[in-house]
Protein backbone atom coordinates (compact mmCIF):
# COMPACT_ATOMS: atom_id res chain seq x y z
CA MET A 1 0.00 0.00 0.00
CA ILE A 2 1.34 3.41 -0.99
CA ASN A 3 0.11 6.43 0.97
CA VAL A 4 -0.63 9.43 -1.25
CA GLY A 5 -1.86 12.68 0.28
CA PHE A 6 -3.21 15.95 -1.10
CA ILE A 7 -2.81 19.26 0.66
CA GLY A 8 -5.58 21.23 -1.01
CA ALA A 9 -8.84 19.70 -2.23
CA GLY A 10 -9.96 22.43 -4.62
CA ASN A 11 -10.88 21.84 -8.26
CA MET A 12 -7.46 20.59 -9.35
CA GLY A 13 -6.74 18.48 -6.29
CA PHE A 14 -10.24 17.01 -6.44
CA ALA A 15 -9.86 16.24 -10.16
CA ILE A 16 -6.63 14.32 -9.61
CA MET A 17 -7.98 12.38 -6.63
CA LYS A 18 -11.15 11.56 -8.54
CA GLY A 19 -9.05 10.31 -11.45
CA ILE A 20 -7.02 8.07 -9.15
CA ALA A 21 -10.09 6.71 -7.37
CA GLU A 22 -11.96 5.95 -10.59
CA SER A 23 -8.98 4.46 -12.44
CA GLY A 24 -8.48 1.42 -10.25
CA LEU A 25 -5.16 2.60 -8.84
CA CYS A 26 -6.64 2.34 -5.34
CA GLU A 27 -7.49 -1.33 -5.85
CA ASN A 28 -5.20 -4.27 -5.24
CA ALA A 29 -5.86 -5.72 -8.69
CA ASP A 30 -5.65 -2.96 -11.25
CA ALA A 31 -4.22 -2.35 -14.69
CA TYR A 32 -0.80 -2.29 -13.06
CA ALA A 33 -1.26 -5.61 -11.26
CA ALA A 34 2.37 -5.86 -10.23
CA SER A 35 2.18 -2.52 -8.41
CA PRO A 36 0.93 -1.83 -4.90
CA SER A 37 -2.40 -0.08 -4.51
CA ILE A 38 -2.77 3.54 -3.42
CA GLN A 39 -4.37 4.82 -0.23
CA LEU A 40 -5.56 8.42 -0.57
CA SER A 41 -5.68 11.09 2.12
CA ALA A 42 -6.47 14.80 1.91
CA PHE A 43 -6.41 17.99 3.93
CA ASP A 44 -8.07 21.31 3.22
CA THR A 45 -8.95 24.22 5.47
CA ASP A 46 -12.40 24.18 3.82
CA VAL A 47 -14.23 21.23 5.39
CA GLU A 48 -16.92 21.32 2.67
CA LYS A 49 -14.29 20.45 0.05
CA LEU A 50 -13.33 17.37 2.04
CA LYS A 51 -16.94 16.19 2.27
CA ARG A 52 -17.20 15.60 -1.48
CA LEU A 53 -14.29 13.15 -1.21
CA GLU A 54 -16.14 10.81 1.14
CA LYS A 55 -17.79 8.81 -1.64
CA TYR A 56 -14.33 7.98 -2.99
CA ASN A 57 -13.19 6.61 0.40
CA ILE A 58 -10.54 9.30 0.71
CA SER A 59 -9.64 9.85 4.36
CA ALA A 60 -9.52 13.38 5.72
CA CYS A 61 -6.59 14.63 7.82
CA SER A 62 -6.90 17.28 10.49
CA SER A 63 -3.83 19.22 9.36
CA ALA A 64 -1.23 19.47 6.62
CA SER A 65 1.36 18.31 9.14
CA GLU A 66 -0.62 15.14 9.94
CA LEU A 67 -0.94 14.36 6.23
CA ALA A 68 2.78 14.88 5.55
CA GLY A 69 3.62 12.60 8.45
CA LYS A 70 1.60 9.67 7.13
CA CYS A 71 2.11 9.94 3.36
CA LYS A 72 5.15 9.18 1.22
CA TYR A 73 3.75 11.17 -1.73
CA ILE A 74 2.66 14.67 -0.75
CA PHE A 75 0.75 16.61 -3.41
CA LEU A 76 0.78 20.38 -3.02
CA SER A 77 -2.46 21.30 -4.82
CA ILE A 78 -2.63 24.82 -3.47
CA LYS A 79 -2.11 28.36 -4.75
CA PRO A 80 1.52 29.54 -5.00
CA GLN A 81 0.73 32.28 -2.51
CA GLN A 82 -0.12 29.63 0.11
CA LEU A 83 2.99 27.55 -0.41
CA GLU A 84 5.40 29.20 2.02
CA GLU A 85 3.00 28.80 4.93
CA VAL A 86 2.26 25.17 4.07
CA LEU A 87 5.92 24.22 3.64
CA ASP A 88 6.73 25.84 6.95
CA GLU A 89 4.05 23.69 8.59
CA ILE A 90 5.14 20.37 7.06
CA LYS A 91 8.94 20.77 6.87
CA ASP A 92 9.54 18.80 10.08
CA LYS A 93 7.65 15.85 8.60
CA ILE A 94 9.61 15.72 5.34
CA THR A 95 12.23 12.96 5.14
CA SER A 96 14.59 11.70 2.46
CA ASP A 97 11.89 9.14 1.58
CA SER A 98 9.14 11.74 0.99
CA VAL A 99 8.18 12.72 -2.56
CA ILE A 100 6.75 16.24 -2.86
CA VAL A 101 4.58 16.75 -5.95
CA SER A 102 3.94 20.43 -6.64
CA ILE A 103 1.32 21.76 -9.06
CA CYS A 104 1.99 25.35 -7.93
CA ALA A 105 2.59 27.55 -10.97
CA GLY A 106 6.07 29.05 -11.16
CA ILE A 107 7.45 27.35 -8.03
CA THR A 108 10.85 25.70 -8.43
CA GLY A 109 12.20 22.52 -6.93
CA GLU A 110 15.08 24.53 -5.45
CA TYR A 111 12.65 26.67 -3.46
CA ILE A 112 10.87 23.59 -2.07
CA LYS A 113 14.23 22.08 -1.06
CA LEU A 114 15.23 25.36 0.59
CA LYS A 115 12.03 25.40 2.64
CA THR A 116 12.10 21.69 3.61
CA ILE A 117 15.29 19.61 3.40
CA PRO A 118 18.24 19.95 0.99
CA ASP A 119 17.81 16.46 -0.48
CA ALA A 120 14.01 16.61 -0.81
CA LYS A 121 12.56 14.62 -3.71
CA VAL A 122 10.42 16.92 -5.86
CA VAL A 123 8.23 16.40 -8.93
CA LEU A 124 6.93 19.53 -10.66
CA VAL A 125 3.63 19.24 -12.53
CA MET A 126 1.55 21.61 -14.64
CA PRO A 127 -1.91 20.05 -15.08
CA ASN A 128 -5.10 21.67 -16.39
CA THR A 129 -8.77 21.73 -15.42
CA PRO A 130 -10.00 19.20 -18.04
CA LEU A 131 -8.62 16.64 -15.57
CA LEU A 132 -12.08 17.01 -13.98
CA LEU A 133 -13.46 15.04 -16.94
CA GLY A 134 -10.50 12.68 -17.31
CA GLU A 135 -9.37 14.63 -20.38
CA GLY A 136 -6.53 16.61 -18.88
CA ALA A 137 -3.05 17.38 -20.16
CA SER A 138 -0.21 17.44 -17.64
CA ALA A 139 3.46 18.31 -18.06
CA LEU A 140 5.81 16.69 -15.54
CA ALA A 141 9.44 17.20 -14.59
CA ARG A 142 11.42 15.47 -11.90
CA VAL A 143 14.05 16.99 -9.66
CA GLU A 144 16.89 14.83 -8.33
CA PRO A 145 17.04 12.58 -6.36
CA VAL A 146 13.57 11.26 -7.37
CA SER A 147 13.96 7.63 -8.45
CA ASP A 148 12.65 6.10 -11.67
CA GLU A 149 10.09 4.10 -9.70
CA GLU A 150 8.85 7.13 -7.78
CA PHE A 151 8.55 9.26 -10.91
CA GLU A 152 6.74 6.44 -12.72
CA LEU A 153 4.08 6.35 -10.00
CA VAL A 154 3.46 10.09 -10.30
CA CYS A 155 3.21 9.69 -14.09
CA ARG A 156 0.69 6.87 -13.62
CA ILE A 157 -1.40 9.07 -11.34
CA PHE A 158 -1.66 11.87 -13.89
CA SER A 159 -2.15 9.40 -16.74
CA SER A 160 -5.27 8.21 -14.88
CA CYS A 161 -6.99 11.51 -15.74
CA GLY A 162 -5.53 12.49 -19.10
CA GLU A 163 -2.44 12.73 -21.27
CA ILE A 164 1.02 13.42 -19.88
CA ALA A 165 4.31 14.72 -21.25
CA VAL A 166 7.69 14.73 -19.52
CA ILE A 167 9.67 17.94 -20.00
CA ASP A 168 12.81 19.59 -18.65
CA LYS A 169 12.31 21.23 -15.25
CA ASP A 170 13.73 24.46 -16.65
CA LYS A 171 10.72 24.75 -19.01
CA MET A 172 7.99 24.39 -16.39
CA LYS A 173 7.18 28.10 -16.47
CA GLU A 174 7.03 28.29 -20.26
CA ILE A 175 4.70 25.26 -20.49
CA ILE A 176 2.01 26.96 -18.37
CA ALA A 177 0.67 28.95 -21.33
CA ILE A 178 0.55 25.83 -23.51
CA ASN A 179 -1.60 23.58 -21.34
CA GLY A 180 -2.18 25.15 -17.93
CA SER A 181 -3.70 28.51 -18.85
CA SER A 182 -4.71 27.76 -22.44
CA PRO A 183 -8.16 26.32 -21.54
CA ALA A 184 -9.19 29.82 -20.40
CA PHE A 185 -7.89 31.29 -23.66
CA ILE A 186 -9.85 28.68 -25.63
CA TYR A 187 -13.02 29.38 -23.63
CA LEU A 188 -12.74 33.09 -24.42
CA TYR A 189 -12.32 32.24 -28.12
CA ALA A 190 -15.36 29.95 -27.94
CA LYS A 191 -17.40 32.66 -26.19
CA ALA A 192 -16.78 35.02 -29.12
CA PHE A 193 -18.25 32.48 -31.57
CA VAL A 194 -21.25 31.77 -29.35
CA ASP A 195 -21.85 35.50 -28.87
CA TYR A 196 -21.79 35.97 -32.64
CA ALA A 197 -24.29 33.14 -33.09
CA LYS A 198 -26.65 34.78 -30.59
CA SER A 199 -26.29 38.13 -32.34
CA VAL A 200 -27.57 36.63 -35.62
CA GLY A 201 -30.47 34.78 -34.02
CA ILE A 202 -28.97 31.30 -33.54
CA ASP A 203 -29.88 29.52 -30.32
CA GLU A 204 -27.02 29.60 -27.79
CA SER A 205 -27.26 25.91 -26.95
CA VAL A 206 -27.10 24.97 -30.62
CA ALA A 207 -24.04 27.17 -31.15
CA LYS A 208 -22.30 25.75 -28.07
CA THR A 209 -22.97 22.18 -29.17
CA LEU A 210 -21.78 22.70 -32.73
CA PHE A 211 -18.71 24.75 -31.84
CA SER A 212 -17.70 22.41 -29.01
CA LYS A 213 -17.88 19.38 -31.29
CA THR A 214 -15.89 21.33 -33.87
CA LEU A 215 -13.19 21.99 -31.26
CA ILE A 216 -13.03 18.30 -30.33
CA GLY A 217 -12.92 17.19 -33.94
CA SER A 218 -10.32 19.79 -34.89
CA ALA A 219 -8.12 18.70 -31.99
CA LYS A 220 -8.37 15.09 -33.18
CA MET A 221 -7.36 16.20 -36.65
CA ILE A 222 -4.25 17.84 -35.20
CA THR A 223 -3.26 14.73 -33.22
CA ASP A 224 -4.43 11.92 -35.50
CA SER A 225 -4.62 13.05 -39.15
CA GLY A 226 -0.89 13.11 -39.84
CA ASN A 227 -1.18 16.57 -41.40
CA THR A 228 0.63 19.67 -40.24
CA ILE A 229 -1.44 22.51 -38.80
CA ASN A 230 -0.81 24.60 -41.93
CA GLU A 231 -2.00 21.71 -44.11
CA LEU A 232 -5.16 21.40 -42.02
CA ILE A 233 -5.88 25.11 -42.46
CA LYS A 234 -5.56 24.73 -46.22
CA MET A 235 -7.93 21.73 -46.21
CA VAL A 236 -10.72 23.96 -44.89
CA SER A 237 -9.86 27.00 -47.01
CA SER A 238 -11.30 26.86 -50.53
CA LYS A 239 -10.02 29.57 -52.86
CA GLY A 240 -12.38 32.53 -52.82
CA GLY A 241 -14.54 30.86 -50.16
CA THR A 242 -16.00 31.83 -46.81
CA THR A 243 -13.19 30.44 -44.67
CA LEU A 244 -10.52 32.49 -46.42
CA ALA A 245 -12.62 35.61 -45.97
CA GLY A 246 -12.74 34.96 -42.23
CA LEU A 247 -9.05 34.05 -42.02
CA GLU A 248 -8.16 37.37 -43.63
CA LYS A 249 -9.91 39.24 -40.81
CA LEU A 250 -8.20 37.11 -38.14
CA ARG A 251 -4.84 37.88 -39.72
CA GLU A 252 -5.68 41.56 -40.00
CA GLY A 253 -6.30 41.52 -36.26
CA ASP A 254 -2.97 39.72 -35.75
CA LEU A 255 -4.50 36.72 -33.99
CA GLU A 256 -1.20 34.83 -33.94
CA GLY A 257 0.63 37.84 -32.56
CA THR A 258 -2.01 38.33 -29.88
CA VAL A 259 -1.75 34.69 -28.83
CA LYS A 260 2.02 35.04 -28.59
CA LYS A 261 1.61 38.10 -26.38
CA ALA A 262 -0.85 36.23 -24.15
CA CYS A 263 1.63 33.36 -23.77
CA GLU A 264 4.49 35.73 -23.03
CA ALA A 265 2.42 37.53 -20.38
CA CYS A 266 1.53 34.19 -18.83
CA THR A 267 5.19 33.14 -18.71
CA LYS A 268 6.27 36.53 -17.33
CA ARG A 269 3.79 36.17 -14.48
CA ALA A 270 5.09 32.65 -13.79
CA TYR A 271 8.60 34.06 -13.34
CA GLU A 272 7.21 36.73 -11.02
CA LEU A 273 5.63 33.99 -8.90
CA SER A 274 8.79 31.90 -9.08
CA LYS A 275 10.66 31.16 -5.89
């Protein structure tokens, strides 16, 4: 039995725990039959957030310190602004066997080591909110001296609720715009299409359904068609047709340049939060 604990049971922490609980990783006989099962624990200052975990048989701890003392894997699913206080509370419980998994944007492994123990094992993760539906995308990086076995378990956990990619720890701030913050950017883009539909008398629910399915299908075309993104654009763009007329306006408004600026602002803020 492997003890895994979450400090913070908000949307992201809840999504990951739900993914673990529903994947079979908490059962003795699961898809990874040779591996031990996982026992989940959680702590949050908001008791109501802990109540929704009861149906998943996730045990509640009375403090972050209690959780860190009983769990080998300690997930920090809190806001970066809360991290210093939490690390100060749990530092006496961290040992060379503990594995600290941080999903705090911009926070470095070096900072966590500084605030706990010099040889702390740290895994940095940038997940996103679609984990709530088991359709998340998470970037992971390990910081020495995390072992292959320990890192593999963390990868399995995030694989239980979506796709994963392993990247260099020095790119964890840059990746935030790509998969951590990008859902919000996509939602704003979608809102503009739905608002247009409403303005021309199309039912909002119809527009949301059609545009959402178009997003899903377009994403599958990017991942599965074998075509480049430029080739996919050309496939939709008949000469002299409606799509080209719309693309011209998007280019006039410098859509690509605006997206780049949004990503750069996101990364800049990550460095400001960095410790």
